[in-house]
Amino acid sequence: MKAKVHVTLKQGVLDPQGKAVQHALAALGFDGVNDVRQGKFIELELNETDPKKAEAEVEAMCKKLLVNMVIEDFRVDILEG
């Protein structure tokens, strides 16, 4: 089973990397970009076969290590097969 974790900064948290990307895009002529928020993507291969147990396990991983719960939000997608 595979888990995909999408981590983004919470709304209201400054995103200097996102602003740098936005300015770089404008410098390259892409003027239609109003805002950029950057995040991270984590993919995990799991031995667990039960999707609900897998999701609970990955959420625990996120809360304990993978995500800074003070400034980041996350979403977990579990893929079977």
PDB file of N, CA and C in Angstrom:
ATOM      1  N   MET A   1       0.854  -1.167   0.000  1.00  0.00           N
ATOM      2  CA  MET A   1       0.000   0.000   0.000  1.00  0.00           C
ATOM      3  C   MET A   1       0.902   1.233   0.000  1.00  0.00           C
ATOM      4  N   LYS A   2       0.474   2.264  -0.682  1.00  0.00           N
ATOM      5  CA  LYS A   2       1.261   3.486  -0.799  1.00  0.00           C
ATOM      6  C   LYS A   2       0.492   4.639  -0.153  1.00  0.00           C
ATOM      7  N   ALA A   3       1.226   5.491   0.551  1.00  0.00           N
ATOM      8  CA  ALA A   3       0.642   6.692   1.144  1.00  0.00           C
ATOM      9  C   ALA A   3       1.333   7.907   0.558  1.00  0.00           C
ATOM     10  N   LYS A   4       0.543   8.893   0.215  1.00  0.00           N
ATOM     11  CA  LYS A   4       1.074  10.162  -0.272  1.00  0.00           C
ATOM     12  C   LYS A   4       0.665  11.240   0.716  1.00  0.00           C
ATOM     13  N   VAL A   5       1.654  12.005   1.187  1.00  0.00           N
ATOM     14  CA  VAL A   5       1.412  13.054   2.163  1.00  0.00           C
ATOM     15  C   VAL A   5       1.749  14.395   1.518  1.00  0.00           C
ATOM     16  N   HIS A   6       0.798  15.299   1.536  1.00  0.00           N
ATOM     17  CA  HIS A   6       0.977  16.647   1.002  1.00  0.00           C
ATOM     18  C   HIS A   6       1.023  17.603   2.188  1.00  0.00           C
ATOM     19  N   VAL A   7       2.126  18.323   2.324  1.00  0.00           N
ATOM     20  CA  VAL A   7       2.320  19.230   3.451  1.00  0.00           C
ATOM     21  C   VAL A   7       2.416  20.660   2.921  1.00  0.00           C
ATOM     22  N   THR A   8       1.629  21.546   3.512  1.00  0.00           N
ATOM     23  CA  THR A   8       1.655  22.951   3.120  1.00  0.00           C
ATOM     24  C   THR A   8       1.688  23.823   4.370  1.00  0.00           C
ATOM     25  N   LEU A   9       2.180  25.035   4.209  1.00  0.00           N
ATOM     26  CA  LEU A   9       2.137  25.980   5.320  1.00  0.00           C
ATOM     27  C   LEU A   9       0.698  26.389   5.579  1.00  0.00           C
ATOM     28  N   LYS A  10       0.362  26.593   6.836  1.00  0.00           N
ATOM     29  CA  LYS A  10      -0.983  27.054   7.184  1.00  0.00           C
ATOM     30  C   LYS A  10      -1.202  28.448   6.622  1.00  0.00           C
ATOM     31  N   GLN A  11      -2.471  28.760   6.353  1.00  0.00           N
ATOM     32  CA  GLN A  11      -2.808  30.104   5.894  1.00  0.00           C
ATOM     33  C   GLN A  11      -2.365  31.095   6.950  1.00  0.00           C
ATOM     34  N   GLY A  12      -1.814  32.200   6.537  1.00  0.00           N
ATOM     35  CA  GLY A  12      -1.360  33.223   7.461  1.00  0.00           C
ATOM     36  C   GLY A  12       0.110  33.099   7.834  1.00  0.00           C
ATOM     37  N   VAL A  13       0.718  31.952   7.524  1.00  0.00           N
ATOM     38  CA  VAL A  13       2.146  31.778   7.778  1.00  0.00           C
ATOM     39  C   VAL A  13       2.910  32.291   6.560  1.00  0.00           C
ATOM     40  N   LEU A  14       3.886  33.150   6.794  1.00  0.00           N
ATOM     41  CA  LEU A  14       4.665  33.693   5.680  1.00  0.00           C
ATOM     42  C   LEU A  14       5.381  32.569   4.937  1.00  0.00           C
ATOM     43  N   ASP A  15       5.417  32.686   3.611  1.00  0.00           N
ATOM     44  CA  ASP A  15       6.045  31.676   2.759  1.00  0.00           C
ATOM     45  C   ASP A  15       7.099  32.352   1.887  1.00  0.00           C
ATOM     46  N   PRO A  16       8.295  32.595   2.413  1.00  0.00           N
ATOM     47  CA  PRO A  16       9.316  33.291   1.626  1.00  0.00           C
ATOM     48  C   PRO A  16       9.749  32.522   0.384  1.00  0.00           C
ATOM     49  N   GLN A  17       9.761  31.190   0.439  1.00  0.00           N
ATOM     50  CA  GLN A  17      10.115  30.410  -0.756  1.00  0.00           C
ATOM     51  C   GLN A  17       9.058  30.581  -1.836  1.00  0.00           C
ATOM     52  N   GLY A  18       7.799  30.594  -1.431  1.00  0.00           N
ATOM     53  CA  GLY A  18       6.731  30.813  -2.393  1.00  0.00           C
ATOM     54  C   GLY A  18       6.847  32.179  -3.054  1.00  0.00           C
ATOM     55  N   LYS A  19       7.172  33.205  -2.249  1.00  0.00           N
ATOM     56  CA  LYS A  19       7.346  34.557  -2.803  1.00  0.00           C
ATOM     57  C   LYS A  19       8.530  34.609  -3.762  1.00  0.00           C
ATOM     58  N   ALA A  20       9.615  33.904  -3.435  1.00  0.00           N
ATOM     59  CA  ALA A  20      10.782  33.872  -4.325  1.00  0.00           C
ATOM     60  C   ALA A  20      10.421  33.220  -5.658  1.00  0.00           C
ATOM     61  N   VAL A  21       9.643  32.150  -5.610  1.00  0.00           N
ATOM     62  CA  VAL A  21       9.208  31.491  -6.845  1.00  0.00           C
ATOM     63  C   VAL A  21       8.308  32.424  -7.644  1.00  0.00           C
ATOM     64  N   GLN A  22       7.388  33.114  -6.963  1.00  0.00           N
ATOM     65  CA  GLN A  22       6.491  34.054  -7.641  1.00  0.00           C
ATOM     66  C   GLN A  22       7.293  35.143  -8.355  1.00  0.00           C
ATOM     67  N   HIS A  23       8.303  35.720  -7.685  1.00  0.00           N
ATOM     68  CA  HIS A  23       9.120  36.769  -8.296  1.00  0.00           C
ATOM     69  C   HIS A  23       9.937  36.217  -9.467  1.00  0.00           C
ATOM     70  N   ALA A  24      10.451  34.994  -9.319  1.00  0.00           N
ATOM     71  CA  ALA A  24      11.223  34.379 -10.408  1.00  0.00           C
ATOM     72  C   ALA A  24      10.334  34.135 -11.625  1.00  0.00           C
ATOM     73  N   LEU A  25       9.112  33.681 -11.393  1.00  0.00           N
ATOM     74  CA  LEU A  25       8.179  33.466 -12.503  1.00  0.00           C
ATOM     75  C   LEU A  25       7.873  34.779 -13.218  1.00  0.00           C
ATOM     76  N   ALA A  26       7.668  35.842 -12.445  1.00  0.00           N
ATOM     77  CA  ALA A  26       7.408  37.161 -13.049  1.00  0.00           C
ATOM     78  C   ALA A  26       8.613  37.613 -13.870  1.00  0.00           C
ATOM     79  N   ALA A  27       9.815  37.370 -13.367  1.00  0.00           N
ATOM     80  CA  ALA A  27      11.028  37.754 -14.094  1.00  0.00           C
ATOM     81  C   ALA A  27      11.167  36.985 -15.400  1.00  0.00           C
ATOM     82  N   LEU A  28      10.569  35.784 -15.446  1.00  0.00           N
ATOM     83  CA  LEU A  28      10.611  34.975 -16.664  1.00  0.00           C
ATOM     84  C   LEU A  28       9.443  35.278 -17.595  1.00  0.00           C
ATOM     85  N   GLY A  29       8.617  36.259 -17.229  1.00  0.00           N
ATOM     86  CA  GLY A  29       7.528  36.670 -18.097  1.00  0.00           C
ATOM     87  C   GLY A  29       6.180  36.060 -17.763  1.00  0.00           C
ATOM     88  N   PHE A  30       6.086  35.313 -16.685  1.00  0.00           N
ATOM     89  CA  PHE A  30       4.807  34.724 -16.271  1.00  0.00           C
ATOM     90  C   PHE A  30       4.136  35.669 -15.279  1.00  0.00           C
ATOM     91  N   ASP A  31       3.481  36.697 -15.813  1.00  0.00           N
ATOM     92  CA  ASP A  31       2.919  37.759 -14.987  1.00  0.00           C
ATOM     93  C   ASP A  31       1.548  37.428 -14.402  1.00  0.00           C
ATOM     94  N   GLY A  32       0.920  36.374 -14.844  1.00  0.00           N
ATOM     95  CA  GLY A  32      -0.431  36.056 -14.401  1.00  0.00           C
ATOM     96  C   GLY A  32      -0.498  35.260 -13.108  1.00  0.00           C
ATOM     97  N   VAL A  33       0.604  35.122 -12.395  1.00  0.00           N
ATOM     98  CA  VAL A  33       0.615  34.356 -11.145  1.00  0.00           C
ATOM     99  C   VAL A  33       0.466  35.334  -9.985  1.00  0.00           C
ATOM    100  N   ASN A  34      -0.676  35.246  -9.282  1.00  0.00           N
ATOM    101  CA  ASN A  34      -0.963  36.175  -8.188  1.00  0.00           C
ATOM    102  C   ASN A  34      -0.320  35.770  -6.863  1.00  0.00           C
ATOM    103  N   ASP A  35      -0.130  34.478  -6.638  1.00  0.00           N
ATOM    104  CA  ASP A  35       0.437  34.016  -5.374  1.00  0.00           C
ATOM    105  C   ASP A  35       1.003  32.619  -5.564  1.00  0.00           C
ATOM    106  N   VAL A  36       2.031  32.289  -4.822  1.00  0.00           N
ATOM    107  CA  VAL A  36       2.616  30.953  -4.841  1.00  0.00           C
ATOM    108  C   VAL A  36       2.795  30.501  -3.397  1.00  0.00           C
ATOM    109  N   ARG A  37       2.322  29.320  -3.094  1.00  0.00           N
ATOM    110  CA  ARG A  37       2.539  28.697  -1.787  1.00  0.00           C
ATOM    111  C   ARG A  37       3.294  27.407  -2.053  1.00  0.00           C
ATOM    112  N   GLN A  38       4.404  27.227  -1.375  1.00  0.00           N
ATOM    113  CA  GLN A  38       5.206  26.034  -1.577  1.00  0.00           C
ATOM    114  C   GLN A  38       4.971  25.060  -0.443  1.00  0.00           C
ATOM    115  N   GLY A  39       5.110  23.765  -0.742  1.00  0.00           N
ATOM    116  CA  GLY A  39       4.973  22.743   0.276  1.00  0.00           C
ATOM    117  C   GLY A  39       5.936  21.616   0.008  1.00  0.00           C
ATOM    118  N   LYS A  40       5.639  20.472   0.613  1.00  0.00           N
ATOM    119  CA  LYS A  40       6.471  19.297   0.358  1.00  0.00           C
ATOM    120  C   LYS A  40       5.560  18.087   0.164  1.00  0.00           C
ATOM    121  N   PHE A  41       6.117  17.086  -0.488  1.00  0.00           N
ATOM    122  CA  PHE A  41       5.384  15.875  -0.830  1.00  0.00           C
ATOM    123  C   PHE A  41       6.204  14.694  -0.338  1.00  0.00           C
ATOM    124  N   ILE A  42       5.572  13.800   0.399  1.00  0.00           N
ATOM    125  CA  ILE A  42       6.252  12.625   0.937  1.00  0.00           C
ATOM    126  C   ILE A  42       5.474  11.391   0.496  1.00  0.00           C
ATOM    127  N   GLU A  43       6.179  10.412  -0.049  1.00  0.00           N
ATOM    128  CA  GLU A  43       5.546   9.166  -0.490  1.00  0.00           C
ATOM    129  C   GLU A  43       6.109   8.021   0.338  1.00  0.00           C
ATOM    130  N   LEU A  44       5.218   7.202   0.890  1.00  0.00           N
ATOM    131  CA  LEU A  44       5.613   6.105   1.762  1.00  0.00           C
ATOM    132  C   LEU A  44       5.072   4.786   1.219  1.00  0.00           C
ATOM    133  N   GLU A  45       5.905   3.748   1.204  1.00  0.00           N
ATOM    134  CA  GLU A  45       5.481   2.388   0.906  1.00  0.00           C
ATOM    135  C   GLU A  45       5.221   1.701   2.238  1.00  0.00           C
ATOM    136  N   LEU A  46       4.016   1.175   2.414  1.00  0.00           N
ATOM    137  CA  LEU A  46       3.625   0.582   3.685  1.00  0.00           C
ATOM    138  C   LEU A  46       3.355  -0.914   3.547  1.00  0.00           C
ATOM    139  N   ASN A  47       3.613  -1.666   4.624  1.00  0.00           N
ATOM    140  CA  ASN A  47       3.269  -3.090   4.661  1.00  0.00           C
ATOM    141  C   ASN A  47       1.801  -3.305   5.004  1.00  0.00           C
ATOM    142  N   GLU A  48       1.179  -2.312   5.621  1.00  0.00           N
ATOM    143  CA  GLU A  48      -0.217  -2.422   6.059  1.00  0.00           C
ATOM    144  C   GLU A  48      -1.145  -2.650   4.862  1.00  0.00           C
ATOM    145  N   THR A  49      -2.132  -3.529   5.022  1.00  0.00           N
ATOM    146  CA  THR A  49      -3.074  -3.830   3.938  1.00  0.00           C
ATOM    147  C   THR A  49      -4.455  -3.223   4.175  1.00  0.00           C
ATOM    148  N   ASP A  50      -4.739  -2.795   5.393  1.00  0.00           N
ATOM    149  CA  ASP A  50      -6.031  -2.177   5.711  1.00  0.00           C
ATOM    150  C   ASP A  50      -5.911  -0.667   5.515  1.00  0.00           C
ATOM    151  N   PRO A  51      -6.690  -0.087   4.583  1.00  0.00           N
ATOM    152  CA  PRO A  51      -6.567   1.351   4.284  1.00  0.00           C
ATOM    153  C   PRO A  51      -6.797   2.248   5.503  1.00  0.00           C
ATOM    154  N   LYS A  52      -7.757   1.912   6.343  1.00  0.00           N
ATOM    155  CA  LYS A  52      -8.037   2.754   7.516  1.00  0.00           C
ATOM    156  C   LYS A  52      -6.884   2.709   8.521  1.00  0.00           C
ATOM    157  N   LYS A  53      -6.319   1.527   8.715  1.00  0.00           N
ATOM    158  CA  LYS A  53      -5.166   1.404   9.614  1.00  0.00           C
ATOM    159  C   LYS A  53      -3.961   2.127   9.029  1.00  0.00           C
ATOM    160  N   ALA A  54      -3.774   2.013   7.727  1.00  0.00           N
ATOM    161  CA  ALA A  54      -2.658   2.693   7.064  1.00  0.00           C
ATOM    162  C   ALA A  54      -2.781   4.201   7.221  1.00  0.00           C
ATOM    163  N   GLU A  55      -3.978   4.725   7.009  1.00  0.00           N
ATOM    164  CA  GLU A  55      -4.180   6.169   7.139  1.00  0.00           C
ATOM    165  C   GLU A  55      -3.914   6.629   8.569  1.00  0.00           C
ATOM    166  N   ALA A  56      -4.398   5.875   9.547  1.00  0.00           N
ATOM    167  CA  ALA A  56      -4.166   6.229  10.947  1.00  0.00           C
ATOM    168  C   ALA A  56      -2.669   6.205  11.273  1.00  0.00           C
ATOM    169  N   GLU A  57      -1.971   5.210  10.750  1.00  0.00           N
ATOM    170  CA  GLU A  57      -0.539   5.095  11.002  1.00  0.00           C
ATOM    171  C   GLU A  57       0.232   6.280  10.390  1.00  0.00           C
ATOM    172  N   VAL A  58      -0.115   6.631   9.163  1.00  0.00           N
ATOM    173  CA  VAL A  58       0.563   7.740   8.491  1.00  0.00           C
ATOM    174  C   VAL A  58       0.235   9.063   9.186  1.00  0.00           C
ATOM    175  N   GLU A  59      -1.001   9.241   9.620  1.00  0.00           N
ATOM    176  CA  GLU A  59      -1.350  10.462  10.350  1.00  0.00           C
ATOM    177  C   GLU A  59      -0.533  10.572  11.634  1.00  0.00           C
ATOM    178  N   ALA A  60      -0.313   9.450  12.319  1.00  0.00           N
ATOM    179  CA  ALA A  60       0.526   9.449  13.523  1.00  0.00           C
ATOM    180  C   ALA A  60       1.963   9.825  13.169  1.00  0.00           C
ATOM    181  N   MET A  61       2.474   9.314  12.052  1.00  0.00           N
ATOM    182  CA  MET A  61       3.827   9.666  11.594  1.00  0.00           C
ATOM    183  C   MET A  61       3.926  11.170  11.337  1.00  0.00           C
ATOM    184  N   CYS A  62       2.897  11.702  10.707  1.00  0.00           N
ATOM    185  CA  CYS A  62       2.894  13.134  10.392  1.00  0.00           C
ATOM    186  C   CYS A  62       2.932  13.968  11.668  1.00  0.00           C
ATOM    187  N   LYS A  63       2.106  13.610  12.624  1.00  0.00           N
ATOM    188  CA  LYS A  63       2.008  14.390  13.854  1.00  0.00           C
ATOM    189  C   LYS A  63       3.259  14.274  14.720  1.00  0.00           C
ATOM    190  N   LYS A  64       3.954  13.140  14.624  1.00  0.00           N
ATOM    191  CA  LYS A  64       5.139  12.931  15.459  1.00  0.00           C
ATOM    192  C   LYS A  64       6.442  13.376  14.802  1.00  0.00           C
ATOM    193  N   LEU A  65       6.520  13.353  13.456  1.00  0.00           N
ATOM    194  CA  LEU A  65       7.797  13.627  12.807  1.00  0.00           C
ATOM    195  C   LEU A  65       7.713  14.426  11.509  1.00  0.00           C
ATOM    196  N   LEU A  66       6.819  14.053  10.632  1.00  0.00           N
ATOM    197  CA  LEU A  66       6.869  14.563   9.263  1.00  0.00           C
ATOM    198  C   LEU A  66       6.358  15.992   9.095  1.00  0.00           C
ATOM    199  N   VAL A  67       5.515  16.455  10.012  1.00  0.00           N
ATOM    200  CA  VAL A  67       4.859  17.756   9.865  1.00  0.00           C
ATOM    201  C   VAL A  67       5.094  18.593  11.117  1.00  0.00           C
ATOM    202  N   ASN A  68       5.394  19.860  10.911  1.00  0.00           N
ATOM    203  CA  ASN A  68       5.455  20.802  12.030  1.00  0.00           C
ATOM    204  C   ASN A  68       4.031  21.298  12.249  1.00  0.00           C
ATOM    205  N   MET A  69       3.350  20.721  13.229  1.00  0.00           N
ATOM    206  CA  MET A  69       1.930  20.986  13.431  1.00  0.00           C
ATOM    207  C   MET A  69       1.631  22.435  13.806  1.00  0.00           C
ATOM    208  N   VAL A  70       2.635  23.185  14.213  1.00  0.00           N
ATOM    209  CA  VAL A  70       2.431  24.588  14.576  1.00  0.00           C
ATOM    210  C   VAL A  70       2.206  25.440  13.330  1.00  0.00           C
ATOM    211  N   ILE A  71       2.952  25.155  12.260  1.00  0.00           N
ATOM    212  CA  ILE A  71       2.886  26.034  11.084  1.00  0.00           C
ATOM    213  C   ILE A  71       2.458  25.319   9.806  1.00  0.00           C
ATOM    214  N   GLU A  72       2.287  23.993   9.843  1.00  0.00           N
ATOM    215  CA  GLU A  72       1.962  23.254   8.618  1.00  0.00           C
ATOM    216  C   GLU A  72       0.662  22.472   8.749  1.00  0.00           C
ATOM    217  N   ASP A  73      -0.010  22.323   7.622  1.00  0.00           N
ATOM    218  CA  ASP A  73      -1.170  21.438   7.473  1.00  0.00           C
ATOM    219  C   ASP A  73      -0.749  20.268   6.594  1.00  0.00           C
ATOM    220  N   PHE A  74      -1.501  19.168   6.655  1.00  0.00           N
ATOM    221  CA  PHE A  74      -1.180  18.034   5.797  1.00  0.00           C
ATOM    222  C   PHE A  74      -2.446  17.318   5.358  1.00  0.00           C
ATOM    223  N   ARG A  75      -2.283  16.578   4.254  1.00  0.00           N
ATOM    224  CA  ARG A  75      -3.353  15.725   3.722  1.00  0.00           C
ATOM    225  C   ARG A  75      -2.726  14.390   3.375  1.00  0.00           C
ATOM    226  N   VAL A  76      -3.408  13.294   3.732  1.00  0.00           N
ATOM    227  CA  VAL A  76      -2.912  11.958   3.447  1.00  0.00           C
ATOM    228  C   VAL A  76      -3.818  11.294   2.426  1.00  0.00           C
ATOM    229  N   ASP A  77      -3.223  10.735   1.378  1.00  0.00           N
ATOM    230  CA  ASP A  77      -3.948   9.942   0.384  1.00  0.00           C
ATOM    231  C   ASP A  77      -3.389   8.525   0.447  1.00  0.00           C
ATOM    232  N   ILE A  78      -4.258   7.543   0.638  1.00  0.00           N
ATOM    233  CA  ILE A  78      -3.864   6.146   0.673  1.00  0.00           C
ATOM    234  C   ILE A  78      -4.248   5.503  -0.660  1.00  0.00           C
ATOM    235  N   LEU A  79      -3.271   4.858  -1.291  1.00  0.00           N
ATOM    236  CA  LEU A  79      -3.506   4.204  -2.580  1.00  0.00           C
ATOM    237  C   LEU A  79      -3.324   2.706  -2.410  1.00  0.00           C
ATOM    238  N   GLU A  80      -4.324   1.947  -2.785  1.00  0.00           N
ATOM    239  CA  GLU A  80      -4.224   0.497  -2.696  1.00  0.00           C
ATOM    240  C   GLU A  80      -3.591  -0.059  -3.969  1.00  0.00           C
ATOM    241  N   GLY A  81      -2.952  -1.211  -3.816  1.00  0.00           N
ATOM    242  CA  GLY A  81      -2.388  -1.886  -4.988  1.00  0.00           C
ATOM    243  C   GLY A  81      -1.058  -1.439  -5.262  1.00  0.00           C
TER     244      GLY A  81
END
